[in-house]
Amino acid sequence: MTAIGVLVGNPRPASRTLRAALALREAARQVLKDPVVGPTVDAAEITHEVFDSTRMRAVLDELAQSDVLVVATPTYKATYTGLLKAVLDQAPPNWLRGKAVLPLQIAASDRHALAVEVHLRPLLVELGGQVPGRGIFLNESALGVDDDALTAALVDLLDADALNALVAS
């Protein structure tokens, strides 16, 4: 079974970023063989614990049980959020080794479309993650559809063959 976890770095709880991340997990679930839902961490719900190393170790250990990890963030100042950085700064070296990672970045303007490849992807690769295909950028306007339509759009953006090959290896 392939567990698909989610980490969202939006400082607003129950954000549109969380909605998009859950839709991406569903999209991955639709293209993978034998998927199961893994842990979901909305960092906005643990902001007061981000610098508690014991708590963060437990959060990171829980996420590390995933075979595939969706890491989602809105775009702040042309990059990922400080909250996401604060969480990932506490990850041990090679924390994502052997994991397929699906970076997802959302912005109000297409001018930030490269941020997912220029900023978020390298951070996840530095932690040992393997990204099948390109990171996924969504313009906020794409979130104006229902969940099924959003999931269908994300299925189209996933490199399903690369994801399946990575998970199988």
C-alpha atoms as a PDB file:
ATOM      1  CA  MET A   1       0.000   0.000   0.000  1.00  0.00           C
ATOM      2  CA  THR A   2       1.172   3.504  -0.822  1.00  0.00           C
ATOM      3  CA  ALA A   3       0.478   6.085   1.896  1.00  0.00           C
ATOM      4  CA  ILE A   4       0.011   9.643   0.635  1.00  0.00           C
ATOM      5  CA  GLY A   5       0.626  12.342   3.245  1.00  0.00           C
ATOM      6  CA  VAL A   6       0.094  16.095   3.127  1.00  0.00           C
ATOM      7  CA  LEU A   7       2.046  19.003   4.633  1.00  0.00           C
ATOM      8  CA  VAL A   8       0.569  22.479   4.193  1.00  0.00           C
ATOM      9  CA  GLY A   9       2.618  25.575   5.019  1.00  0.00           C
ATOM     10  CA  ASN A  10      -0.107  28.217   4.883  1.00  0.00           C
ATOM     11  CA  PRO A  11      -0.339  30.229   8.119  1.00  0.00           C
ATOM     12  CA  ARG A  12      -4.143  30.389   7.750  1.00  0.00           C
ATOM     13  CA  PRO A  13      -5.976  27.331   9.082  1.00  0.00           C
ATOM     14  CA  ALA A  14      -8.323  25.476   6.702  1.00  0.00           C
ATOM     15  CA  SER A  15      -6.919  27.516   3.812  1.00  0.00           C
ATOM     16  CA  ARG A  16      -7.410  27.232   0.075  1.00  0.00           C
ATOM     17  CA  THR A  17      -3.887  25.812   0.042  1.00  0.00           C
ATOM     18  CA  LEU A  18      -5.088  22.943   2.239  1.00  0.00           C
ATOM     19  CA  ARG A  19      -8.023  22.390  -0.113  1.00  0.00           C
ATOM     20  CA  ALA A  20      -5.687  22.262  -3.123  1.00  0.00           C
ATOM     21  CA  ALA A  21      -3.266  19.929  -1.306  1.00  0.00           C
ATOM     22  CA  LEU A  22      -6.070  17.516  -0.444  1.00  0.00           C
ATOM     23  CA  ALA A  23      -7.235  17.628  -4.071  1.00  0.00           C
ATOM     24  CA  LEU A  24      -3.675  16.827  -5.193  1.00  0.00           C
ATOM     25  CA  ARG A  25      -3.587  13.902  -2.768  1.00  0.00           C
ATOM     26  CA  GLU A  26      -6.859  12.681  -4.287  1.00  0.00           C
ATOM     27  CA  ALA A  27      -5.394  13.109  -7.783  1.00  0.00           C
ATOM     28  CA  ALA A  28      -2.357  11.039  -6.764  1.00  0.00           C
ATOM     29  CA  ARG A  29      -4.683   8.466  -5.221  1.00  0.00           C
ATOM     30  CA  GLN A  30      -6.457   8.146  -8.560  1.00  0.00           C
ATOM     31  CA  VAL A  31      -3.260   7.469 -10.519  1.00  0.00           C
ATOM     32  CA  LEU A  32      -1.417   5.228  -8.037  1.00  0.00           C
ATOM     33  CA  LYS A  33      -1.887   1.527  -7.494  1.00  0.00           C
ATOM     34  CA  ASP A  34      -3.093   0.536  -4.011  1.00  0.00           C
ATOM     35  CA  PRO A  35      -3.074   4.016  -2.401  1.00  0.00           C
ATOM     36  CA  VAL A  36      -4.116   4.868   1.148  1.00  0.00           C
ATOM     37  CA  VAL A  37      -4.584   8.215   2.839  1.00  0.00           C
ATOM     38  CA  GLY A  38      -1.618   9.139   5.010  1.00  0.00           C
ATOM     39  CA  PRO A  39      -1.263  11.868   7.628  1.00  0.00           C
ATOM     40  CA  THR A  40      -2.284  15.467   7.003  1.00  0.00           C
ATOM     41  CA  VAL A  41      -0.453  18.283   8.769  1.00  0.00           C
ATOM     42  CA  ASP A  42      -1.843  21.793   8.406  1.00  0.00           C
ATOM     43  CA  ALA A  43       1.040  23.801   9.881  1.00  0.00           C
ATOM     44  CA  ALA A  44      -1.370  26.633  10.703  1.00  0.00           C
ATOM     45  CA  GLU A  45      -2.819  24.404  13.412  1.00  0.00           C
ATOM     46  CA  ILE A  46       0.567  23.951  15.095  1.00  0.00           C
ATOM     47  CA  THR A  47       2.139  27.401  14.687  1.00  0.00           C
ATOM     48  CA  HIS A  48       2.564  27.766  18.447  1.00  0.00           C
ATOM     49  CA  GLU A  49       4.512  24.473  18.481  1.00  0.00           C
ATOM     50  CA  VAL A  50       6.830  25.039  15.521  1.00  0.00           C
ATOM     51  CA  PHE A  51       9.822  25.740  17.745  1.00  0.00           C
ATOM     52  CA  ASP A  52       9.081  22.902  20.171  1.00  0.00           C
ATOM     53  CA  SER A  53      11.625  20.381  18.915  1.00  0.00           C
ATOM     54  CA  THR A  54       9.961  17.408  20.617  1.00  0.00           C
ATOM     55  CA  ARG A  55       6.576  18.183  19.063  1.00  0.00           C
ATOM     56  CA  MET A  56       8.084  18.885  15.642  1.00  0.00           C
ATOM     57  CA  ARG A  57      10.065  15.648  15.738  1.00  0.00           C
ATOM     58  CA  ALA A  58       6.766  13.802  16.305  1.00  0.00           C
ATOM     59  CA  VAL A  59       5.091  15.687  13.433  1.00  0.00           C
ATOM     60  CA  LEU A  60       7.992  15.003  11.080  1.00  0.00           C
ATOM     61  CA  ASP A  61       8.135  11.336  12.129  1.00  0.00           C
ATOM     62  CA  GLU A  62       4.423  11.004  11.383  1.00  0.00           C
ATOM     63  CA  LEU A  63       4.835  12.553   7.931  1.00  0.00           C
ATOM     64  CA  ALA A  64       7.871  10.359   7.260  1.00  0.00           C
ATOM     65  CA  GLN A  65       5.568   7.323   7.332  1.00  0.00           C
ATOM     66  CA  SER A  66       4.202   8.486   3.959  1.00  0.00           C
ATOM     67  CA  ASP A  67       5.469   6.970   0.726  1.00  0.00           C
ATOM     68  CA  VAL A  68       4.310  10.030  -1.196  1.00  0.00           C
ATOM     69  CA  LEU A  69       4.192  13.485   0.382  1.00  0.00           C
ATOM     70  CA  VAL A  70       2.298  16.478  -0.966  1.00  0.00           C
ATOM     71  CA  VAL A  71       4.013  19.671   0.229  1.00  0.00           C
ATOM     72  CA  ALA A  72       1.887  22.742  -0.437  1.00  0.00           C
ATOM     73  CA  THR A  73       2.389  26.444   0.158  1.00  0.00           C
ATOM     74  CA  PRO A  74       0.997  29.752  -0.951  1.00  0.00           C
ATOM     75  CA  THR A  75       3.458  32.172  -2.477  1.00  0.00           C
ATOM     76  CA  TYR A  76       4.698  34.876  -0.089  1.00  0.00           C
ATOM     77  CA  LYS A  77       7.325  37.337  -1.310  1.00  0.00           C
ATOM     78  CA  ALA A  78       7.837  35.176  -4.436  1.00  0.00           C
ATOM     79  CA  THR A  79       8.688  32.009  -2.482  1.00  0.00           C
ATOM     80  CA  TYR A  80       7.309  29.511   0.051  1.00  0.00           C
ATOM     81  CA  THR A  81       6.122  30.668   3.461  1.00  0.00           C
ATOM     82  CA  GLY A  82       8.277  31.197   6.516  1.00  0.00           C
ATOM     83  CA  LEU A  83       6.020  28.775   8.373  1.00  0.00           C
ATOM     84  CA  LEU A  84       6.824  25.979   5.930  1.00  0.00           C
ATOM     85  CA  LYS A  85      10.523  26.857   6.191  1.00  0.00           C
ATOM     86  CA  ALA A  86      10.348  26.791   9.999  1.00  0.00           C
ATOM     87  CA  VAL A  87       8.809  23.311   9.915  1.00  0.00           C
ATOM     88  CA  LEU A  88      11.222  21.913   7.340  1.00  0.00           C
ATOM     89  CA  ASP A  89      14.263  23.495   9.015  1.00  0.00           C
ATOM     90  CA  GLN A  90      13.742  20.998  11.825  1.00  0.00           C
ATOM     91  CA  ALA A  91      13.771  17.976   9.528  1.00  0.00           C
ATOM     92  CA  PRO A  92      16.860  15.796   9.821  1.00  0.00           C
ATOM     93  CA  PRO A  93      19.185  15.389   6.831  1.00  0.00           C
ATOM     94  CA  ASN A  94      17.712  13.122   4.157  1.00  0.00           C
ATOM     95  CA  TRP A  95      14.351  13.169   5.930  1.00  0.00           C
ATOM     96  CA  LEU A  96      12.621  12.596   2.587  1.00  0.00           C
ATOM     97  CA  ARG A  97      15.032   9.936   1.263  1.00  0.00           C
ATOM     98  CA  GLY A  98      13.120   7.337  -0.700  1.00  0.00           C
ATOM     99  CA  LYS A  99       9.955   9.442  -0.788  1.00  0.00           C
ATOM    100  CA  ALA A 100       8.125  10.740  -3.814  1.00  0.00           C
ATOM    101  CA  VAL A 101       7.355  14.392  -3.139  1.00  0.00           C
ATOM    102  CA  LEU A 102       4.720  16.456  -4.930  1.00  0.00           C
ATOM    103  CA  PRO A 103       5.465  20.175  -4.507  1.00  0.00           C
ATOM    104  CA  LEU A 104       2.435  22.440  -4.927  1.00  0.00           C
ATOM    105  CA  GLN A 105       2.631  26.219  -4.911  1.00  0.00           C
ATOM    106  CA  ILE A 106      -0.279  28.628  -5.263  1.00  0.00           C
ATOM    107  CA  ALA A 107      -0.092  32.297  -6.219  1.00  0.00           C
ATOM    108  CA  ALA A 108      -2.354  35.146  -7.257  1.00  0.00           C
ATOM    109  CA  SER A 109      -0.353  35.775 -10.414  1.00  0.00           C
ATOM    110  CA  ASP A 110       1.208  33.611 -13.102  1.00  0.00           C
ATOM    111  CA  ARG A 111       4.317  35.761 -12.655  1.00  0.00           C
ATOM    112  CA  HIS A 112       5.148  33.411  -9.783  1.00  0.00           C
ATOM    113  CA  ALA A 113       4.732  30.208 -11.804  1.00  0.00           C
ATOM    114  CA  LEU A 114       8.431  29.341 -11.605  1.00  0.00           C
ATOM    115  CA  ALA A 115       8.598  29.689  -7.815  1.00  0.00           C
ATOM    116  CA  VAL A 116       7.677  26.042  -7.304  1.00  0.00           C
ATOM    117  CA  GLU A 117      10.650  24.943  -9.440  1.00  0.00           C
ATOM    118  CA  VAL A 118      13.114  27.627  -8.359  1.00  0.00           C
ATOM    119  CA  HIS A 119      12.442  27.650  -4.606  1.00  0.00           C
ATOM    120  CA  LEU A 120      10.231  24.827  -3.305  1.00  0.00           C
ATOM    121  CA  ARG A 121      11.521  21.899  -5.354  1.00  0.00           C
ATOM    122  CA  PRO A 122      15.219  22.494  -4.457  1.00  0.00           C
ATOM    123  CA  LEU A 123      14.318  22.630  -0.757  1.00  0.00           C
ATOM    124  CA  LEU A 124      12.545  19.270  -0.976  1.00  0.00           C
ATOM    125  CA  VAL A 125      15.338  17.705  -3.028  1.00  0.00           C
ATOM    126  CA  GLU A 126      17.878  18.950  -0.457  1.00  0.00           C
ATOM    127  CA  LEU A 127      15.925  16.947   2.131  1.00  0.00           C
ATOM    128  CA  GLY A 128      16.286  13.828  -0.039  1.00  0.00           C
ATOM    129  CA  GLY A 129      12.893  13.898  -1.756  1.00  0.00           C
ATOM    130  CA  GLN A 130      12.411  12.746  -5.323  1.00  0.00           C
ATOM    131  CA  VAL A 131      10.062  14.846  -7.434  1.00  0.00           C
ATOM    132  CA  PRO A 132       8.412  12.982 -10.315  1.00  0.00           C
ATOM    133  CA  GLY A 133       7.993  15.452 -13.151  1.00  0.00           C
ATOM    134  CA  ARG A 134       7.623  19.138 -12.481  1.00  0.00           C
ATOM    135  CA  GLY A 135       6.377  20.829  -9.357  1.00  0.00           C
ATOM    136  CA  ILE A 136       2.768  21.964  -9.655  1.00  0.00           C
ATOM    137  CA  PHE A 137       1.854  25.640  -9.795  1.00  0.00           C
ATOM    138  CA  LEU A 138      -1.745  26.785  -9.447  1.00  0.00           C
ATOM    139  CA  ASN A 139      -3.044  30.260 -10.002  1.00  0.00           C
ATOM    140  CA  GLU A 140      -5.568  31.128  -7.284  1.00  0.00           C
ATOM    141  CA  SER A 141      -8.195  31.513 -10.000  1.00  0.00           C
ATOM    142  CA  ALA A 142      -8.004  27.736 -10.575  1.00  0.00           C
ATOM    143  CA  LEU A 143      -9.423  27.234  -7.087  1.00  0.00           C
ATOM    144  CA  GLY A 144     -12.791  28.679  -8.125  1.00  0.00           C
ATOM    145  CA  VAL A 145     -14.085  25.257  -9.188  1.00  0.00           C
ATOM    146  CA  ASP A 146     -15.611  22.416  -7.186  1.00  0.00           C
ATOM    147  CA  ASP A 147     -13.388  19.766  -5.627  1.00  0.00           C
ATOM    148  CA  ASP A 148     -14.003  17.176  -8.351  1.00  0.00           C
ATOM    149  CA  ALA A 149     -13.035  19.611 -11.110  1.00  0.00           C
ATOM    150  CA  LEU A 150      -9.949  20.698  -9.164  1.00  0.00           C
ATOM    151  CA  THR A 151      -8.898  17.079  -8.663  1.00  0.00           C
ATOM    152  CA  ALA A 152      -9.431  16.323 -12.364  1.00  0.00           C
ATOM    153  CA  ALA A 153      -7.280  19.314 -13.319  1.00  0.00           C
ATOM    154  CA  LEU A 154      -4.546  18.123 -10.957  1.00  0.00           C
ATOM    155  CA  VAL A 155      -4.667  14.583 -12.377  1.00  0.00           C
ATOM    156  CA  ASP A 156      -3.883  16.179 -15.745  1.00  0.00           C
ATOM    157  CA  LEU A 157      -0.913  18.052 -14.237  1.00  0.00           C
ATOM    158  CA  LEU A 158       0.592  14.989 -12.541  1.00  0.00           C
ATOM    159  CA  ASP A 159       3.186  12.923 -14.333  1.00  0.00           C
ATOM    160  CA  ALA A 160       1.397   9.671 -13.484  1.00  0.00           C
ATOM    161  CA  ASP A 161       3.957   7.402 -15.160  1.00  0.00           C
ATOM    162  CA  ALA A 162       6.873   9.017 -13.335  1.00  0.00           C
ATOM    163  CA  LEU A 163       5.013   8.919 -10.010  1.00  0.00           C
ATOM    164  CA  ASN A 164       4.135   5.234 -10.386  1.00  0.00           C
ATOM    165  CA  ALA A 165       7.687   4.361 -11.446  1.00  0.00           C
ATOM    166  CA  LEU A 166       9.145   6.238  -8.486  1.00  0.00           C
ATOM    167  CA  VAL A 167       6.789   4.616  -6.000  1.00  0.00           C
ATOM    168  CA  ALA A 168       7.487   1.162  -7.464  1.00  0.00           C
ATOM    169  CA  SER A 169      11.268   1.565  -7.136  1.00  0.00           C
END
